[in-house]
């Protein structure tokens, strides 16, 4: 049996997991990132967390084929270097090589969204019942921001300078809301959970104070979250439905643009908002079916929910060594 370790390097936590050759996650371990420390110290914590995960899985590091890292920011996978990650205060940090020197196991590294997409491709939405994989896939994550990963011909695509695939920072609305990337009107600022909360609050300001929207948050607008509008809609609140309809339309326009550019076999949607399941996906599919450029052809992109949840990044990172 072959084993692989994936490390999800986050701004708050470092999580490592052991994956076997059937792509099953066997055990995990975690520690705090403690951002602000020297990169070498963070690398040492990553290495120790990987060793802890191996111990939890009942294996030795000598049984591990390779280790993969999913990191925020712009990642040069060839040099095993994080070129820039603002939340880690990394700039040109060869974190992959540092971990490899500590563990004496081959280490691979990718952007965390790309790693999560690769996890879904290898072990989740992209894996067929007979174990084969489709060839081309997009994965988007609707979380605090909109993460995305592109798989073309079974390989991660991240562009000439390793900063490609940022589908969340394509523009939906010219001169719209200010996005954190510096542009205005991005998919990210309308379709992330953050964007949905903004839309919810905008509508709440005009909604009756006795509406379900206000009741759900106990009269405190700051308690609105990504579920509030969906919950209000389920209670028959017309403003809740208006918010959800607006959100679904923006998301669908962004997805249709992605499909028109890449026409992947599958586009899978993960992140907290995807927990709405068919309440979200069914109307998105209806928009896609009606408006995608390939609507009159027999081969169309399948829009589905991601399958691996928060483990996608760990599993994808663990399997990075199988990509080469």
Protein backbone atom coordinates (compact mmCIF):
# COMPACT_ATOMS: atom_id res chain seq x y z
CA UNK A 1 0.00 0.00 0.00
CA UNK A 2 1.25 3.47 -0.93
CA UNK A 3 0.61 6.48 1.27
CA UNK A 4 0.70 10.22 0.61
CA UNK A 5 0.47 13.20 2.95
CA UNK A 6 -1.29 16.45 2.15
CA UNK A 7 -0.75 19.66 4.12
CA UNK A 8 -3.27 22.48 4.03
CA UNK A 9 -1.34 25.61 5.03
CA UNK A 10 -3.78 28.27 6.21
CA UNK A 11 -3.51 31.64 7.85
CA UNK A 12 -4.84 30.18 11.11
CA UNK A 13 -4.28 26.42 11.02
CA UNK A 14 -1.96 23.85 9.49
CA UNK A 15 -3.77 20.57 8.80
CA UNK A 16 -2.06 17.44 7.50
CA UNK A 17 -3.71 14.23 6.35
CA UNK A 18 -2.64 10.77 5.19
CA UNK A 19 -4.21 9.49 1.97
CA UNK A 20 -3.87 5.97 0.61
CA UNK A 21 -3.69 4.82 -3.01
CA UNK A 22 -7.48 4.46 -3.11
CA UNK A 23 -7.61 8.21 -2.31
CA UNK A 24 -9.10 7.59 1.13
CA UNK A 25 -8.23 10.03 3.92
CA UNK A 26 -7.01 7.85 6.78
CA UNK A 27 -6.04 10.28 9.52
CA UNK A 28 -5.42 13.97 10.20
CA UNK A 29 -3.40 16.15 12.56
CA UNK A 30 -3.35 19.91 13.03
CA UNK A 31 -1.51 22.77 14.68
CA UNK A 32 -1.68 26.56 14.68
CA UNK A 33 0.14 28.48 11.94
CA UNK A 34 0.99 31.39 14.24
CA UNK A 35 1.53 33.78 11.35
CA UNK A 36 4.37 36.26 11.81
CA UNK A 37 6.95 33.66 12.77
CA UNK A 38 9.95 33.09 10.50
CA UNK A 39 9.09 30.84 7.55
CA UNK A 40 11.55 28.20 8.77
CA UNK A 41 9.58 27.85 12.01
CA UNK A 42 6.33 27.47 10.09
CA UNK A 43 8.02 24.82 7.94
CA UNK A 44 9.09 22.97 11.08
CA UNK A 45 5.49 23.01 12.35
CA UNK A 46 4.29 21.72 8.98
CA UNK A 47 6.82 18.89 9.07
CA UNK A 48 5.87 17.97 12.64
CA UNK A 49 2.16 18.02 11.76
CA UNK A 50 2.83 15.70 8.82
CA UNK A 51 4.68 13.33 11.15
CA UNK A 52 1.79 13.51 13.64
CA UNK A 53 -0.67 12.59 10.89
CA UNK A 54 1.48 9.62 9.86
CA UNK A 55 1.59 8.46 13.48
CA UNK A 56 -2.20 8.80 13.75
CA UNK A 57 -2.55 6.66 10.62
CA UNK A 58 -0.25 4.03 12.09
CA UNK A 59 2.48 4.37 9.47
CA UNK A 60 6.07 5.57 9.42
CA UNK A 61 7.40 8.39 7.26
CA UNK A 62 9.46 5.77 5.41
CA UNK A 63 6.14 4.48 4.01
CA UNK A 64 5.17 7.88 2.59
CA UNK A 65 5.68 8.29 -1.16
CA UNK A 66 5.42 12.09 -1.20
CA UNK A 67 4.08 15.12 0.63
CA UNK A 68 2.03 17.88 -0.97
CA UNK A 69 1.31 21.39 0.26
CA UNK A 70 -1.65 23.60 -0.59
CA UNK A 71 -0.76 27.21 0.19
CA UNK A 72 -2.57 30.53 -0.21
CA UNK A 73 -1.19 33.00 -2.69
CA UNK A 74 0.85 32.78 -5.87
CA UNK A 75 2.80 29.52 -5.86
CA UNK A 76 5.65 28.53 -8.15
CA UNK A 77 5.18 24.78 -8.13
CA UNK A 78 8.41 24.22 -10.06
CA UNK A 79 10.63 26.02 -7.53
CA UNK A 80 8.43 24.88 -4.59
CA UNK A 81 8.16 28.52 -3.64
CA UNK A 82 5.37 30.82 -2.46
CA UNK A 83 5.97 33.95 -4.49
CA UNK A 84 3.46 36.01 -2.54
CA UNK A 85 0.85 35.28 0.12
CA UNK A 86 -0.36 38.35 1.98
CA UNK A 87 -2.04 36.49 4.85
CA UNK A 88 1.15 34.54 5.59
CA UNK A 89 3.51 37.50 5.02
CA UNK A 90 5.38 35.30 2.54
CA UNK A 91 7.31 36.71 -0.38
CA UNK A 92 9.59 34.43 -2.39
CA UNK A 93 9.63 31.81 0.36
CA UNK A 94 10.79 28.30 -0.70
CA UNK A 95 8.51 26.67 1.85
CA UNK A 96 8.21 23.43 -0.12
CA UNK A 97 11.96 22.91 -0.19
CA UNK A 98 12.18 23.75 3.51
CA UNK A 99 9.67 21.01 4.36
CA UNK A 100 11.38 18.56 2.02
CA UNK A 101 14.72 19.17 3.74
CA UNK A 102 13.10 18.44 7.10
CA UNK A 103 11.16 15.32 6.10
CA UNK A 104 13.53 13.84 3.52
CA UNK A 105 10.50 12.94 1.36
CA UNK A 106 9.68 14.45 -2.07
CA UNK A 107 7.50 17.54 -1.58
CA UNK A 108 5.15 19.15 -4.11
CA UNK A 109 3.31 22.44 -3.70
CA UNK A 110 0.36 24.24 -5.31
CA UNK A 111 -2.02 27.08 -4.64
CA UNK A 112 -4.62 25.93 -2.09
CA UNK A 113 -7.61 26.43 -4.44
CA UNK A 114 -5.79 24.48 -7.15
CA UNK A 115 -5.05 21.71 -4.65
CA UNK A 116 -8.71 21.55 -3.66
CA UNK A 117 -9.75 21.38 -7.32
CA UNK A 118 -7.26 18.59 -7.90
CA UNK A 119 -8.67 16.73 -4.90
CA UNK A 120 -12.18 16.93 -6.34
CA UNK A 121 -10.83 15.88 -9.73
CA UNK A 122 -8.98 12.84 -8.41
CA UNK A 123 -11.21 11.67 -5.57
CA UNK A 124 -14.49 13.58 -5.69
CA UNK A 125 -16.74 15.03 -8.36
CA UNK A 126 -14.29 14.24 -11.17
CA UNK A 127 -14.00 10.55 -10.41
CA UNK A 128 -16.42 8.25 -12.21
CA UNK A 129 -18.02 5.18 -10.66
CA UNK A 130 -15.61 2.89 -12.51
CA UNK A 131 -12.62 4.77 -11.06
CA UNK A 132 -11.73 6.65 -14.24
CA UNK A 133 -11.50 10.43 -14.32
CA UNK A 134 -12.90 13.01 -16.67
CA UNK A 135 -10.25 15.16 -18.41
CA UNK A 136 -11.34 18.75 -17.84
CA UNK A 137 -12.94 20.25 -14.76
CA UNK A 138 -13.55 23.53 -13.00
CA UNK A 139 -14.03 23.72 -9.25
CA UNK A 140 -15.31 26.83 -7.54
CA UNK A 141 -15.65 27.38 -3.80
CA UNK A 142 -18.24 29.78 -2.43
CA UNK A 143 -16.70 30.76 0.88
CA UNK A 144 -15.46 34.03 2.34
CA UNK A 145 -14.23 34.63 -1.20
CA UNK A 146 -14.74 32.73 -4.44
CA UNK A 147 -11.92 30.24 -4.91
CA UNK A 148 -11.40 28.43 -8.19
CA UNK A 149 -9.25 25.77 -9.76
CA UNK A 150 -8.89 24.67 -13.37
CA UNK A 151 -8.01 21.18 -14.54
CA UNK A 152 -7.16 20.85 -18.25
CA UNK A 153 -6.15 17.50 -19.73
CA UNK A 154 -5.90 16.11 -16.18
CA UNK A 155 -3.38 18.79 -15.12
CA UNK A 156 -3.73 21.86 -12.94
CA UNK A 157 -3.70 25.02 -15.05
CA UNK A 158 -2.38 28.12 -13.28
CA UNK A 159 -0.99 30.29 -16.05
CA UNK A 160 2.35 31.62 -17.23
CA UNK A 161 3.23 33.32 -13.94
CA UNK A 162 1.35 30.94 -11.62
CA UNK A 163 -1.37 33.54 -10.93
CA UNK A 164 -3.95 32.30 -13.45
CA UNK A 165 -7.25 30.65 -12.70
CA UNK A 166 -8.57 33.46 -10.48
CA UNK A 167 -12.09 33.20 -11.86
CA UNK A 168 -13.47 35.04 -8.84
CA UNK A 169 -11.76 38.17 -10.07
CA UNK A 170 -13.50 38.43 -13.41
CA UNK A 171 -15.99 41.29 -13.56
CA UNK A 172 -19.74 40.74 -13.34
CA UNK A 173 -20.86 44.33 -12.97
CA UNK A 174 -18.92 47.26 -14.42
CA UNK A 175 -18.14 49.83 -11.73
CA UNK A 176 -19.90 47.65 -9.16
CA UNK A 177 -18.88 46.98 -5.58
CA UNK A 178 -15.25 47.48 -4.63
CA UNK A 179 -13.44 44.13 -4.53
CA UNK A 180 -10.45 43.36 -2.32
CA UNK A 181 -8.36 42.70 -5.44
CA UNK A 182 -8.57 46.38 -6.43
CA UNK A 183 -11.12 46.01 -9.22
CA UNK A 184 -14.83 46.74 -9.00
CA UNK A 185 -17.74 44.41 -9.64
CA UNK A 186 -15.92 41.06 -9.42
CA UNK A 187 -17.59 37.67 -9.16
CA UNK A 188 -15.95 37.42 -5.73
CA UNK A 189 -17.71 40.45 -4.25
CA UNK A 190 -21.14 39.32 -5.44
CA UNK A 191 -21.02 35.51 -5.29
CA UNK A 192 -18.97 34.76 -2.18
CA UNK A 193 -20.62 34.39 1.22
CA UNK A 194 -19.30 37.88 1.90
CA UNK A 195 -21.07 39.15 -1.21
CA UNK A 196 -24.30 37.38 -0.33
CA UNK A 197 -24.25 38.94 3.13
CA UNK A 198 -23.76 42.37 1.53
CA UNK A 199 -26.76 41.78 -0.73
CA UNK A 200 -28.82 40.55 2.23
CA UNK A 201 -28.06 43.67 4.27
CA UNK A 202 -28.84 45.96 1.32
CA UNK A 203 -32.29 44.41 1.01
CA UNK A 204 -32.86 44.30 4.77
CA UNK A 205 -32.51 48.06 4.96
CA UNK A 206 -35.64 48.34 2.81
CA UNK A 207 -37.53 45.34 4.22
CA UNK A 208 -40.30 45.60 6.86
CA UNK A 209 -38.94 45.19 10.38
CA UNK A 210 -41.46 42.41 11.05
CA UNK A 211 -40.26 40.34 8.08
CA UNK A 212 -38.71 36.88 8.49
CA UNK A 213 -35.35 38.37 7.52
CA UNK A 214 -35.27 40.57 10.59
CA UNK A 215 -36.77 37.92 12.85
CA UNK A 216 -34.09 35.37 11.90
CA UNK A 217 -31.29 37.74 12.95
CA UNK A 218 -33.07 38.89 16.09
CA UNK A 219 -33.30 42.45 14.80
CA UNK A 220 -29.52 42.73 14.46
CA UNK A 221 -28.44 43.16 10.84
CA UNK A 222 -24.85 42.31 11.75
CA UNK A 223 -25.95 38.75 12.53
CA UNK A 224 -26.92 38.12 8.90
CA UNK A 225 -24.94 35.30 7.31
CA UNK A 226 -24.90 33.25 4.12
CA UNK A 227 -27.96 31.24 5.22
CA UNK A 228 -30.19 34.13 6.27
CA UNK A 229 -31.82 34.87 2.91
CA UNK A 230 -32.29 31.18 2.10
CA UNK A 231 -33.89 30.58 5.52
CA UNK A 232 -36.19 33.58 5.04
CA UNK A 233 -37.18 32.35 1.59
CA UNK A 234 -38.08 28.96 3.04
CA UNK A 235 -40.35 30.75 5.50
CA UNK A 236 -42.18 32.39 2.61
CA UNK A 237 -40.54 35.80 2.93
CA UNK A 238 -40.73 37.57 -0.48
CA UNK A 239 -37.65 39.70 0.26
CA UNK A 240 -35.67 36.58 1.13
CA UNK A 241 -36.68 35.10 -2.21
CA UNK A 242 -35.71 38.32 -3.97
CA UNK A 243 -32.23 38.16 -2.41
CA UNK A 244 -31.75 34.51 -3.33
CA UNK A 245 -32.96 35.14 -6.89
CA UNK A 246 -30.51 38.02 -7.26
CA UNK A 247 -27.66 35.93 -5.86
CA UNK A 248 -28.45 32.96 -8.10
CA UNK A 249 -28.57 35.19 -11.16
CA UNK A 250 -25.17 36.73 -10.47
CA UNK A 251 -23.65 33.32 -9.73
CA UNK A 252 -25.17 31.82 -12.88
CA UNK A 253 -23.82 34.61 -15.09
CA UNK A 254 -20.35 34.04 -13.67
CA UNK A 255 -20.61 30.28 -14.15
CA UNK A 256 -21.89 30.62 -17.71
CA UNK A 257 -18.88 32.81 -18.54
CA UNK A 258 -16.58 30.14 -17.11
CA UNK A 259 -18.31 27.41 -19.07
CA UNK A 260 -18.23 29.42 -22.29
CA UNK A 261 -14.48 29.88 -21.94
CA UNK A 262 -13.48 26.37 -20.90
CA UNK A 263 -16.47 24.08 -21.52
CA UNK A 264 -15.23 21.54 -18.97
CA UNK A 265 -16.76 18.11 -18.53
CA UNK A 266 -17.79 19.09 -15.00
CA UNK A 267 -18.06 22.29 -13.01
CA UNK A 268 -18.39 21.49 -9.31
CA UNK A 269 -19.41 23.95 -6.61
CA UNK A 270 -18.18 23.73 -3.04
CA UNK A 271 -17.96 25.97 0.01
CA UNK A 272 -20.51 26.84 2.66
CA UNK A 273 -23.19 28.15 0.32
CA UNK A 274 -23.14 24.87 -1.63
CA UNK A 275 -24.72 23.30 1.46
CA UNK A 276 -28.01 24.68 0.12
CA UNK A 277 -27.84 21.78 -2.35
CA UNK A 278 -30.50 21.69 -5.04
CA UNK A 279 -32.10 24.86 -3.69
CA UNK A 280 -29.03 26.57 -5.15
CA UNK A 281 -28.01 24.20 -7.94
CA UNK A 282 -31.36 23.63 -9.65
CA UNK A 283 -31.96 27.29 -10.61
CA UNK A 284 -28.27 27.70 -11.54
CA UNK A 285 -28.56 24.73 -13.91
CA UNK A 286 -31.70 26.26 -15.45
CA UNK A 287 -29.81 29.49 -16.23
CA UNK A 288 -26.84 27.54 -17.58
CA UNK A 289 -29.05 25.35 -19.77
CA UNK A 290 -30.80 28.38 -21.25
CA UNK A 291 -27.86 30.73 -21.76
CA UNK A 292 -24.64 28.77 -22.30
CA UNK A 293 -23.21 29.04 -25.79
CA UNK A 294 -23.33 25.25 -26.24
CA UNK A 295 -27.03 25.02 -25.34
CA UNK A 296 -27.90 23.44 -28.70
CA UNK A 297 -25.20 20.76 -28.61
CA UNK A 298 -25.33 17.27 -27.15
CA UNK A 299 -22.18 17.58 -25.01
CA UNK A 300 -22.71 20.03 -22.17
CA UNK A 301 -20.95 20.79 -18.92
CA UNK A 302 -22.41 19.05 -15.88
CA UNK A 303 -22.93 21.43 -12.95
CA UNK A 304 -22.82 19.56 -9.64
CA UNK A 305 -21.92 19.90 -5.99
CA UNK A 306 -18.37 19.20 -4.83
CA UNK A 307 -18.06 16.02 -2.79
CA UNK A 308 -15.05 16.30 -0.49
CA UNK A 309 -15.96 19.31 1.64
CA UNK A 310 -13.15 20.76 3.75
CA UNK A 311 -10.95 17.74 3.02
CA UNK A 312 -10.60 18.54 -0.70
CA UNK A 313 -7.47 20.63 -0.19
CA UNK A 314 -5.75 18.01 1.96
CA UNK A 315 -6.56 15.16 -0.42
CA UNK A 316 -5.60 17.21 -3.48
CA UNK A 317 -2.32 18.31 -1.91
CA UNK A 318 -1.51 14.71 -0.98
CA UNK A 319 -2.00 13.62 -4.58
CA UNK A 320 0.05 16.40 -6.20
CA UNK A 321 2.93 13.99 -6.69
CA UNK A 322 0.70 11.87 -8.94
CA UNK A 323 0.12 14.84 -11.27
CA UNK A 324 3.70 14.90 -12.59
